[in-house]
């Protein structure tokens, strides 16, 4: 074979190899990693629902069936195909039903969903549906319609206008929600969503910061707390400016606040205004607030482009991050209430700036470990104790956080005289007449009555042979982690709004009777 022929043959083989590589990169193979993952909780703040029956349908055909694990998680992957519609039905004894209709799956999907306790009838069949329309604005000049693949293509805009009507077969609709990107829930504090206390929902939803593939979620609940959710595929399209210099998000210091609250706060009803909880029933609620500097507040606002919004990511190993939210450029915080956040397990957060079809580098703002709740033991005077001194000594021990180093406790102590004559309460004050908030690293507490001046108490001592009650009106544990730019707080009670976003009454009032 001549040298020229060998060269031609070599050249021909190279061409074949290039074509093969090119074709293999273009051919669409069935992706075994396509999935639908559900994280099921009673409320977005937890607790996770274990043992829920979850069925996946395509039309009337049952594809897969599974049971939620102890973290409330179910993952379907065997039968999942992009471009297909799916229906998911979630049920459990004593609970209302949740039904989720995915109109068209355009990418793998993680859904944080709820399965609430039934208000009066468990697992009742109340067929619900949602009819909706999407417009360019409140003036309804343009009505969006899905393409042949069932996806709504929306040219870049700052908002869309939603109109939705929920229907039911047997019992009335209670309320509705709508949100882009993630299911509507506790994160409404920092993310745009719609809400209506009726079977009709309408209004503008901000789209700033969203690009490419995402979903519109529209939810309705009936008066039994059955839930129906419709998931609608949306694709935001626009031209791309490749010359943008993105803002690398700068964290606040500290960037993360992790809260564990002993209360039955329902974040769907949460208000930034302090509210007194009517019930002192015990239930754990957790959330983590992520804080960063807006572009305007950063040191880069003269050398980078202003973003359209911010993307928040979460990781449980500090390496693999998942997108959990998109917020507008006006926001500098986000509240994560996912039940996948566990006590004693570290969680990392990153934030990136968002432009038209472009995203800046992810900036890890910090990591934090949620603290569990804790309790008082060895309490003195104990509930019902008699013959107590008129200058008593109060003592107890904080238990439950022994595995965490660097814990600081904050507490207040109040004394109540609700009987016989005074109808008053007393608390220790300093030299400026301000109430004292105690701070200590020692889990064992000892407060001698005569060591302090008690606001409103005559002669600074109690009366003989008289009943009183006492309780800590603030009881919180704080773990400051400068290395990881975070603070974790566990709050058992806070009746004066010192730390907690809501007022939490004491767990227990201890009755005692003084002696002679």
Protein backbone atom coordinates (compact mmCIF):
# COMPACT_ATOMS: atom_id res chain seq x y z
CA UNK A 1 0.00 0.00 0.00
CA UNK A 2 1.39 3.40 -0.98
CA UNK A 3 2.13 6.11 1.51
CA UNK A 4 -0.60 8.26 -0.04
CA UNK A 5 -3.20 5.47 0.33
CA UNK A 6 -2.19 4.95 3.95
CA UNK A 7 -2.67 8.66 4.62
CA UNK A 8 -6.12 8.62 2.94
CA UNK A 9 -7.09 5.57 4.99
CA UNK A 10 -5.91 7.26 8.19
CA UNK A 11 -7.80 10.43 7.29
CA UNK A 12 -10.96 8.42 6.48
CA UNK A 13 -10.82 6.59 9.86
CA UNK A 14 -10.47 9.91 11.71
CA UNK A 15 -13.53 11.29 9.87
CA UNK A 16 -15.54 8.15 10.74
CA UNK A 17 -14.49 8.49 14.41
CA UNK A 18 -15.51 12.15 14.54
CA UNK A 19 -18.89 11.40 12.93
CA UNK A 20 -19.47 8.52 15.37
CA UNK A 21 -18.71 10.72 18.39
CA UNK A 22 -20.94 13.49 17.00
CA UNK A 23 -23.87 11.15 16.34
CA UNK A 24 -23.56 9.46 19.73
CA UNK A 25 -23.79 12.86 21.38
CA UNK A 26 -26.94 13.73 19.40
CA UNK A 27 -28.89 10.48 19.69
CA UNK A 28 -31.54 10.62 22.43
CA UNK A 29 -31.30 7.52 24.59
CA UNK A 30 -33.79 6.78 27.35
CA UNK A 31 -32.31 8.40 30.45
CA UNK A 32 -32.41 5.94 33.34
CA UNK A 33 -31.83 8.86 35.73
CA UNK A 34 -35.16 10.54 34.96
CA UNK A 35 -37.15 10.61 38.19
CA UNK A 36 -40.01 12.08 40.17
CA UNK A 37 -39.11 12.50 43.84
CA UNK A 38 -41.65 13.36 46.52
CA UNK A 39 -40.88 14.70 50.00
CA UNK A 40 -44.07 14.33 52.06
CA UNK A 41 -44.74 16.21 55.29
CA UNK A 42 -47.81 17.17 57.29
CA UNK A 43 -46.83 20.80 56.80
CA UNK A 44 -43.84 22.28 55.00
CA UNK A 45 -42.21 22.71 58.38
CA UNK A 46 -42.61 19.01 59.17
CA UNK A 47 -43.03 16.44 60.51
CA UNK A 48 -42.25 14.03 57.69
CA UNK A 49 -45.01 11.53 56.89
CA UNK A 50 -43.75 7.94 57.05
CA UNK A 51 -45.79 5.04 55.72
CA UNK A 52 -47.84 6.99 53.17
CA UNK A 53 -49.07 4.97 50.19
CA UNK A 54 -48.02 6.63 46.92
CA UNK A 55 -49.33 5.51 43.53
CA UNK A 56 -48.02 6.71 40.16
CA UNK A 57 -50.42 6.63 37.19
CA UNK A 58 -50.19 7.32 33.49
CA UNK A 59 -53.81 7.95 32.61
CA UNK A 60 -55.72 5.11 34.29
CA UNK A 61 -52.72 2.73 34.24
CA UNK A 62 -50.93 2.15 37.55
CA UNK A 63 -47.18 2.31 36.83
CA UNK A 64 -45.58 2.10 40.25
CA UNK A 65 -46.58 1.97 43.92
CA UNK A 66 -44.39 2.76 46.92
CA UNK A 67 -44.43 3.69 50.61
CA UNK A 68 -42.75 6.80 52.03
CA UNK A 69 -39.75 6.16 54.27
CA UNK A 70 -39.00 7.68 57.68
CA UNK A 71 -37.95 10.91 55.96
CA UNK A 72 -41.21 11.08 54.02
CA UNK A 73 -39.41 10.40 50.72
CA UNK A 74 -40.59 8.38 47.71
CA UNK A 75 -38.71 8.25 44.39
CA UNK A 76 -40.05 6.91 41.09
CA UNK A 77 -37.57 6.26 38.24
CA UNK A 78 -38.23 2.91 36.56
CA UNK A 79 -41.13 4.07 34.39
CA UNK A 80 -40.44 7.81 34.18
CA UNK A 81 -40.15 9.32 30.71
CA UNK A 82 -39.71 12.96 29.79
CA UNK A 83 -42.66 14.40 27.87
CA UNK A 84 -45.29 12.21 29.53
CA UNK A 85 -48.19 13.27 31.82
CA UNK A 86 -48.46 11.63 35.26
CA UNK A 87 -50.88 11.51 38.17
CA UNK A 88 -49.79 10.81 41.74
CA UNK A 89 -52.19 9.83 44.54
CA UNK A 90 -50.97 9.92 48.17
CA UNK A 91 -52.99 8.43 51.03
CA UNK A 92 -52.63 7.24 54.63
CA UNK A 93 -55.08 6.23 57.37
CA UNK A 94 -56.45 9.23 59.36
CA UNK A 95 -55.20 11.62 56.66
CA UNK A 96 -56.84 13.52 53.84
CA UNK A 97 -55.78 12.67 50.29
CA UNK A 98 -53.29 14.48 48.09
CA UNK A 99 -53.58 14.21 44.30
CA UNK A 100 -50.93 15.68 41.98
CA UNK A 101 -51.43 16.04 38.22
CA UNK A 102 -48.26 16.66 36.20
CA UNK A 103 -49.50 17.88 32.81
CA UNK A 104 -46.20 17.13 31.09
CA UNK A 105 -42.86 16.16 32.62
CA UNK A 106 -40.14 18.20 30.94
CA UNK A 107 -37.33 17.38 33.38
CA UNK A 108 -36.74 15.34 36.51
CA UNK A 109 -38.79 16.79 39.32
CA UNK A 110 -38.60 17.01 43.13
CA UNK A 111 -41.90 17.91 44.78
CA UNK A 112 -42.20 19.01 48.41
CA UNK A 113 -45.80 18.11 49.16
CA UNK A 114 -48.15 17.76 52.14
CA UNK A 115 -50.44 15.07 53.46
CA UNK A 116 -52.51 16.67 56.19
CA UNK A 117 -54.56 15.04 58.94
CA UNK A 118 -58.19 14.86 57.82
CA UNK A 119 -60.47 17.43 59.42
CA UNK A 120 -63.45 15.06 59.59
CA UNK A 121 -63.31 12.13 57.08
CA UNK A 122 -60.15 10.20 56.23
CA UNK A 123 -59.28 9.26 52.64
CA UNK A 124 -62.59 10.54 51.30
CA UNK A 125 -63.17 10.63 47.54
CA UNK A 126 -63.71 14.28 46.64
CA UNK A 127 -62.69 14.69 43.02
CA UNK A 128 -61.11 18.08 42.45
CA UNK A 129 -59.86 19.83 39.34
CA UNK A 130 -58.37 23.18 38.39
CA UNK A 131 -59.12 25.08 35.19
CA UNK A 132 -56.63 27.86 34.51
CA UNK A 133 -55.50 30.49 31.99
CA UNK A 134 -52.15 32.26 31.68
CA UNK A 135 -51.93 35.83 30.33
CA UNK A 136 -49.18 38.35 29.69
CA UNK A 137 -50.70 40.90 32.10
CA UNK A 138 -53.84 41.87 33.99
CA UNK A 139 -55.08 43.52 30.78
CA UNK A 140 -55.09 40.04 29.14
CA UNK A 141 -53.78 41.29 25.80
CA UNK A 142 -52.06 37.95 25.17
CA UNK A 143 -53.25 34.52 26.30
CA UNK A 144 -50.51 31.89 26.36
CA UNK A 145 -51.28 28.45 24.94
CA UNK A 146 -49.17 25.27 25.14
CA UNK A 147 -47.16 24.06 22.17
CA UNK A 148 -47.47 20.58 20.65
CA UNK A 149 -45.46 19.15 23.55
CA UNK A 150 -47.82 20.70 26.11
CA UNK A 151 -45.30 23.30 27.26
CA UNK A 152 -46.05 27.02 27.67
CA UNK A 153 -43.34 29.06 25.93
CA UNK A 154 -43.17 32.50 27.51
CA UNK A 155 -40.93 35.23 26.15
CA UNK A 156 -39.00 36.98 28.89
CA UNK A 157 -41.33 39.15 30.99
CA UNK A 158 -41.34 40.49 34.53
CA UNK A 159 -44.66 38.81 35.42
CA UNK A 160 -47.54 36.70 34.16
CA UNK A 161 -51.22 36.91 35.09
CA UNK A 162 -52.96 33.74 36.34
CA UNK A 163 -56.68 32.99 36.44
CA UNK A 164 -57.75 29.69 38.00
CA UNK A 165 -61.00 28.05 39.06
CA UNK A 166 -61.08 24.99 41.35
CA UNK A 167 -64.00 22.56 41.26
CA UNK A 168 -64.95 19.64 43.54
CA UNK A 169 -67.45 16.80 43.40
CA UNK A 170 -68.70 16.60 47.01
CA UNK A 171 -67.38 19.15 49.51
CA UNK A 172 -66.42 22.80 48.92
CA UNK A 173 -63.00 24.25 48.18
CA UNK A 174 -61.38 26.07 51.10
CA UNK A 175 -58.43 27.93 49.56
CA UNK A 176 -55.97 28.04 46.65
CA UNK A 177 -52.31 28.80 45.98
CA UNK A 178 -50.15 29.37 42.90
CA UNK A 179 -46.39 29.68 42.54
CA UNK A 180 -43.62 29.32 39.95
CA UNK A 181 -40.60 27.07 40.46
CA UNK A 182 -41.57 25.19 43.64
CA UNK A 183 -44.82 24.19 45.32
CA UNK A 184 -46.38 27.06 47.29
CA UNK A 185 -45.76 26.81 51.00
CA UNK A 186 -43.81 28.34 53.84
CA UNK A 187 -41.30 29.99 51.55
CA UNK A 188 -43.90 32.62 50.61
CA UNK A 189 -42.12 34.91 53.08
CA UNK A 190 -39.43 35.54 50.47
CA UNK A 191 -40.90 34.21 47.24
CA UNK A 192 -43.75 35.43 45.02
CA UNK A 193 -46.95 33.40 45.22
CA UNK A 194 -50.71 33.87 44.98
CA UNK A 195 -53.27 32.98 47.64
CA UNK A 196 -57.06 33.01 47.75
CA UNK A 197 -59.54 31.93 50.43
CA UNK A 198 -62.03 30.72 47.83
CA UNK A 199 -62.33 28.47 44.79
CA UNK A 200 -61.17 31.29 42.47
CA UNK A 201 -57.63 32.59 42.17
CA UNK A 202 -56.24 35.43 40.06
CA UNK A 203 -53.31 37.79 40.08
CA UNK A 204 -49.81 38.55 38.85
CA UNK A 205 -46.89 36.27 39.63
CA UNK A 206 -43.42 37.72 39.31
CA UNK A 207 -41.19 35.84 36.85
CA UNK A 208 -37.99 37.80 37.38
CA UNK A 209 -35.05 35.44 37.80
CA UNK A 210 -36.63 32.42 36.09
CA UNK A 211 -35.19 31.16 32.83
CA UNK A 212 -35.42 28.03 30.72
CA UNK A 213 -37.40 25.03 32.01
CA UNK A 214 -39.54 25.34 35.13
CA UNK A 215 -43.05 24.60 36.37
CA UNK A 216 -46.14 26.52 37.49
CA UNK A 217 -47.82 24.98 40.55
CA UNK A 218 -51.52 25.62 41.27
CA UNK A 219 -52.97 24.08 44.44
CA UNK A 220 -56.41 23.85 46.00
CA UNK A 221 -57.61 22.43 49.33
CA UNK A 222 -61.10 21.45 50.36
CA UNK A 223 -62.52 21.94 53.86
CA UNK A 224 -61.42 18.40 54.80
CA UNK A 225 -57.81 19.35 53.84
CA UNK A 226 -57.74 17.10 50.78
CA UNK A 227 -55.23 18.62 48.38
CA UNK A 228 -55.18 18.76 44.60
CA UNK A 229 -52.16 20.13 42.75
CA UNK A 230 -51.71 20.81 39.05
CA UNK A 231 -48.11 21.10 37.76
CA UNK A 232 -47.80 22.96 34.45
CA UNK A 233 -44.56 23.00 32.39
CA UNK A 234 -43.26 26.46 31.41
CA UNK A 235 -40.28 27.47 29.32
CA UNK A 236 -38.98 31.04 29.60
CA UNK A 237 -37.13 32.08 26.45
CA UNK A 238 -35.16 35.16 25.48
CA UNK A 239 -31.94 36.25 23.77
CA UNK A 240 -28.63 35.71 25.54
CA UNK A 241 -25.98 38.33 26.26
CA UNK A 242 -22.71 36.43 26.47
CA UNK A 243 -20.75 39.54 27.48
CA UNK A 244 -22.34 39.78 30.92
CA UNK A 245 -19.97 39.85 33.90
CA UNK A 246 -22.03 38.16 36.61
CA UNK A 247 -22.18 39.19 40.24
CA UNK A 248 -20.56 36.61 42.55
CA UNK A 249 -22.96 36.65 45.49
CA UNK A 250 -21.51 37.91 48.77
CA UNK A 251 -22.88 36.37 52.00
CA UNK A 252 -24.12 38.28 55.02
CA UNK A 253 -22.37 37.64 58.32
CA UNK A 254 -23.80 35.41 59.62
CA UNK A 255 -25.45 34.06 56.48
CA UNK A 256 -27.54 31.28 58.06
CA UNK A 257 -29.97 31.23 60.96
CA UNK A 258 -31.39 27.80 61.82
CA UNK A 259 -34.48 27.79 64.05
CA UNK A 260 -36.09 24.97 66.00
CA UNK A 261 -39.33 26.18 67.57
CA UNK A 262 -41.47 24.34 70.12
CA UNK A 263 -44.92 25.27 68.88
CA UNK A 264 -47.61 24.33 66.43
CA UNK A 265 -46.90 27.27 64.19
CA UNK A 266 -48.36 26.66 60.75
CA UNK A 267 -46.19 28.53 58.31
CA UNK A 268 -49.03 28.74 55.81
CA UNK A 269 -50.62 31.13 58.33
CA UNK A 270 -47.36 32.70 59.44
CA UNK A 271 -47.25 36.47 59.79
CA UNK A 272 -44.13 38.62 60.28
CA UNK A 273 -46.11 40.34 63.06
CA UNK A 274 -45.70 38.65 66.44
CA UNK A 275 -48.75 36.62 67.32
CA UNK A 276 -49.74 34.79 70.49
CA UNK A 277 -50.35 31.10 69.98
CA UNK A 278 -53.65 30.02 71.49
CA UNK A 279 -52.45 26.46 71.94
CA UNK A 280 -49.39 25.40 73.89
CA UNK A 281 -49.41 21.91 72.36
CA UNK A 282 -45.92 20.68 71.66
CA UNK A 283 -44.78 20.20 68.08
CA UNK A 284 -41.39 20.77 66.47
CA UNK A 285 -41.03 23.29 63.68
CA UNK A 286 -37.78 24.02 61.93
CA UNK A 287 -36.63 26.42 59.29
CA UNK A 288 -33.37 27.87 58.03
CA UNK A 289 -33.07 31.45 56.83
CA UNK A 290 -30.39 32.11 54.19
CA UNK A 291 -29.08 35.67 53.92
CA UNK A 292 -26.92 37.31 51.26
CA UNK A 293 -26.06 40.78 49.96
CA UNK A 294 -28.04 42.11 47.04
CA UNK A 295 -25.99 43.36 44.12
CA UNK A 296 -26.69 46.96 45.24
CA UNK A 297 -25.24 46.20 48.70
CA UNK A 298 -22.16 44.39 47.45
CA UNK A 299 -18.62 45.53 46.70
CA UNK A 300 -19.10 44.52 43.03
CA UNK A 301 -21.92 46.83 41.92
CA UNK A 302 -19.56 48.98 39.85
CA UNK A 303 -17.76 46.13 38.09
CA UNK A 304 -20.52 43.55 37.47
CA UNK A 305 -23.98 43.52 35.87
CA UNK A 306 -27.12 43.79 37.99
CA UNK A 307 -28.84 40.36 38.09
CA UNK A 308 -32.50 39.64 37.41
CA UNK A 309 -32.72 37.47 40.52
CA UNK A 310 -30.99 34.88 42.67
CA UNK A 311 -30.97 31.07 42.76
CA UNK A 312 -30.68 29.26 46.11
CA UNK A 313 -29.01 25.83 46.32
CA UNK A 314 -28.82 23.27 49.13
CA UNK A 315 -26.39 20.41 49.79
CA UNK A 316 -26.01 17.73 52.44
CA UNK A 317 -22.36 16.95 51.69
CA UNK A 318 -20.95 20.35 50.70
CA UNK A 319 -20.30 19.11 47.14
CA UNK A 320 -23.53 18.10 45.43
CA UNK A 321 -26.00 20.99 45.36
CA UNK A 322 -29.66 20.99 44.30
CA UNK A 323 -31.64 24.07 43.27
CA UNK A 324 -34.41 24.80 45.78
CA UNK A 325 -35.67 28.29 44.88
CA UNK A 326 -35.47 31.30 42.59
CA UNK A 327 -36.22 34.75 44.02
CA UNK A 328 -36.28 38.24 42.54
CA UNK A 329 -33.44 40.75 42.57
CA UNK A 330 -35.19 42.63 45.42
CA UNK A 331 -34.70 39.74 47.84
CA UNK A 332 -31.68 39.16 50.05
CA UNK A 333 -32.97 36.15 51.99
CA UNK A 334 -34.87 32.89 51.63
CA UNK A 335 -36.50 30.60 54.19
CA UNK A 336 -36.01 26.85 53.72
CA UNK A 337 -38.57 24.69 55.56
CA UNK A 338 -37.85 21.36 53.89
CA UNK A 339 -38.44 18.27 56.07
CA UNK A 340 -35.29 16.77 54.54
CA UNK A 341 -33.32 19.02 56.90
CA UNK A 342 -32.62 16.83 59.93
CA UNK A 343 -31.47 17.50 63.48
CA UNK A 344 -27.75 17.07 63.97
CA UNK A 345 -27.07 16.88 60.22
CA UNK A 346 -25.10 19.65 58.55
CA UNK A 347 -26.61 21.42 55.55
CA UNK A 348 -24.79 23.78 53.17
CA UNK A 349 -26.32 26.62 51.13
CA UNK A 350 -25.09 28.42 48.03
CA UNK A 351 -26.53 31.38 46.14
CA UNK A 352 -25.96 32.41 42.50
CA UNK A 353 -26.99 35.49 40.54
CA UNK A 354 -29.35 34.97 37.58
CA UNK A 355 -29.47 36.73 34.20
CA UNK A 356 -31.33 36.01 30.97
CA UNK A 357 -30.42 32.37 30.41
CA UNK A 358 -27.18 32.84 32.31
CA UNK A 359 -26.26 32.08 35.88
CA UNK A 360 -23.28 33.31 37.86
CA UNK A 361 -20.97 31.02 39.80
CA UNK A 362 -22.45 29.48 42.92
CA UNK A 363 -21.18 31.10 46.09
CA UNK A 364 -21.31 28.90 49.21
CA UNK A 365 -22.58 31.27 51.90
CA UNK A 366 -22.28 28.90 54.87
CA UNK A 367 -23.42 25.70 56.57
CA UNK A 368 -25.37 24.95 59.72
CA UNK A 369 -26.60 22.09 61.92
CA UNK A 370 -30.19 22.22 63.20
CA UNK A 371 -30.41 21.89 66.98
CA UNK A 372 -33.01 19.53 68.44
CA UNK A 373 -35.38 20.73 71.14
CA UNK A 374 -34.38 20.42 74.80
CA UNK A 375 -36.12 20.31 78.18
CA UNK A 376 -35.92 21.24 81.86
CA UNK A 377 -35.27 18.53 84.48
CA UNK A 378 -34.59 18.49 88.25
CA UNK A 379 -36.92 21.47 88.65
CA UNK A 380 -37.09 23.23 92.03
CA UNK A 381 -39.52 24.28 93.44
CA UNK A 382 -41.32 21.44 91.70
CA UNK A 383 -44.96 21.61 90.70
CA UNK A 384 -47.14 21.24 93.82
CA UNK A 385 -44.29 21.71 96.33
CA UNK A 386 -45.31 23.09 99.74
CA UNK A 387 -43.54 24.78 102.64
CA UNK A 388 -41.30 26.71 100.23
CA UNK A 389 -39.23 29.59 101.57
CA UNK A 390 -40.50 33.18 101.08
CA UNK A 391 -37.10 33.79 99.45
CA UNK A 392 -36.93 30.59 97.41
CA UNK A 393 -34.12 29.19 95.35
CA UNK A 394 -35.02 28.27 91.74
CA UNK A 395 -32.99 25.56 90.03
CA UNK A 396 -33.18 23.21 87.07
CA UNK A 397 -31.05 21.52 84.44
CA UNK A 398 -31.17 21.88 80.64
CA UNK A 399 -31.07 18.45 78.97
CA UNK A 400 -30.99 17.31 75.34
CA UNK A 401 -28.04 19.22 73.86
CA UNK A 402 -25.12 17.41 75.47
CA UNK A 403 -23.72 16.36 72.06
CA UNK A 404 -23.19 19.96 70.94
CA UNK A 405 -20.15 21.95 72.02
CA UNK A 406 -20.33 25.70 72.58
CA UNK A 407 -24.05 25.92 73.46
CA UNK A 408 -25.14 29.12 75.21
CA UNK A 409 -28.46 29.25 77.05
CA UNK A 410 -30.69 32.31 77.40
CA UNK A 411 -33.58 32.38 79.84
CA UNK A 412 -35.88 34.59 81.89
CA UNK A 413 -37.72 33.70 85.06
CA UNK A 414 -41.12 35.13 85.98
CA UNK A 415 -43.17 34.72 89.15
CA UNK A 416 -46.98 34.88 89.13
CA UNK A 417 -49.32 35.90 91.93
CA UNK A 418 -52.74 35.15 90.45
CA UNK A 419 -54.47 34.23 93.70
CA UNK A 420 -55.80 35.83 96.90
CA UNK A 421 -55.02 39.54 96.52
CA UNK A 422 -52.20 40.82 94.33
CA UNK A 423 -53.14 39.52 90.82
CA UNK A 424 -49.66 40.45 89.66
CA UNK A 425 -46.36 39.08 88.34
CA UNK A 426 -42.72 39.72 89.20
CA UNK A 427 -39.38 39.32 87.46
CA UNK A 428 -35.73 40.16 88.21
CA UNK A 429 -34.54 43.63 87.12
CA UNK A 430 -31.16 45.28 86.92
CA UNK A 431 -30.06 48.65 88.33
CA UNK A 432 -31.75 50.44 85.38
CA UNK A 433 -35.04 48.65 86.10
CA UNK A 434 -34.77 46.54 82.93
CA UNK A 435 -35.79 42.90 83.10
CA UNK A 436 -32.85 40.53 83.26
CA UNK A 437 -32.23 37.99 80.51
CA UNK A 438 -29.82 35.43 81.93
CA UNK A 439 -27.01 33.96 79.81
CA UNK A 440 -24.93 30.92 80.64
CA UNK A 441 -22.90 28.07 79.19
CA UNK A 442 -23.66 25.91 82.21
CA UNK A 443 -26.68 23.62 81.67
CA UNK A 444 -27.31 23.64 85.44
CA UNK A 445 -29.14 26.76 86.64
CA UNK A 446 -29.43 28.11 90.18
CA UNK A 447 -31.15 31.43 90.99
CA UNK A 448 -31.25 32.66 94.58
CA UNK A 449 -34.24 34.90 95.17
CA UNK A 450 -32.45 37.37 97.46
CA UNK A 451 -29.68 37.99 94.91
CA UNK A 452 -32.02 40.04 92.69
CA UNK A 453 -34.55 42.85 92.89
CA UNK A 454 -37.98 41.71 91.68
CA UNK A 455 -40.06 44.18 89.73
CA UNK A 456 -43.29 45.11 91.57
CA UNK A 457 -42.64 42.99 94.67
CA UNK A 458 -42.98 44.73 98.03
CA UNK A 459 -40.09 44.19 100.48
CA UNK A 460 -38.52 41.90 97.85
CA UNK A 461 -39.93 38.76 99.42
CA UNK A 462 -43.00 36.59 99.05
CA UNK A 463 -45.88 36.30 101.52
CA UNK A 464 -46.12 33.39 103.90
CA UNK A 465 -48.61 30.55 103.44
CA UNK A 466 -49.59 31.60 99.91
CA UNK A 467 -49.66 29.89 96.50
CA UNK A 468 -47.51 31.21 93.63
CA UNK A 469 -46.59 29.99 90.17
CA UNK A 470 -43.30 30.38 88.35
CA UNK A 471 -41.94 29.59 84.88
CA UNK A 472 -39.17 30.61 82.49
CA UNK A 473 -40.75 32.96 79.91
CA UNK A 474 -37.67 32.64 77.72
CA UNK A 475 -35.79 29.39 77.29
CA UNK A 476 -33.48 29.17 74.29
CA UNK A 477 -30.21 27.53 73.29
CA UNK A 478 -27.85 29.23 70.82
CA UNK A 479 -24.88 27.81 68.93
CA UNK A 480 -22.76 30.42 67.15
CA UNK A 481 -20.54 28.96 64.42
CA UNK A 482 -18.27 31.70 63.04
CA UNK A 483 -16.24 29.19 61.03
CA UNK A 484 -19.30 28.19 59.00
CA UNK A 485 -20.95 31.63 59.08
CA UNK A 486 -24.08 30.44 60.90
CA UNK A 487 -26.14 30.53 64.08
CA UNK A 488 -28.45 27.72 65.25
CA UNK A 489 -31.20 28.44 67.77
CA UNK A 490 -33.53 26.09 69.64
CA UNK A 491 -36.44 27.86 71.36
CA UNK A 492 -38.63 26.11 73.92
CA UNK A 493 -40.52 29.23 75.04
CA UNK A 494 -40.38 32.96 74.38
CA UNK A 495 -43.38 34.84 75.71
CA UNK A 496 -41.88 38.30 75.19
CA UNK A 497 -40.63 38.11 71.61
CA UNK A 498 -36.96 38.29 72.54
CA UNK A 499 -35.71 35.79 69.94
CA UNK A 500 -38.58 33.90 68.35
CA UNK A 501 -40.58 35.21 65.35
CA UNK A 502 -43.75 34.23 67.24
CA UNK A 503 -44.70 34.37 70.91
CA UNK A 504 -44.41 30.93 72.51
CA UNK A 505 -45.92 30.44 75.98
CA UNK A 506 -44.13 28.40 78.64
CA UNK A 507 -44.57 24.64 78.50
CA UNK A 508 -45.54 24.47 82.16
CA UNK A 509 -46.25 26.71 85.15
CA UNK A 510 -44.94 25.37 88.47
CA UNK A 511 -47.27 25.88 91.43
CA UNK A 512 -45.79 26.11 94.92
CA UNK A 513 -46.96 27.24 98.37
CA UNK A 514 -44.80 29.20 100.77
CA UNK A 515 -44.40 28.14 104.40
CA UNK A 516 -44.14 30.19 107.56
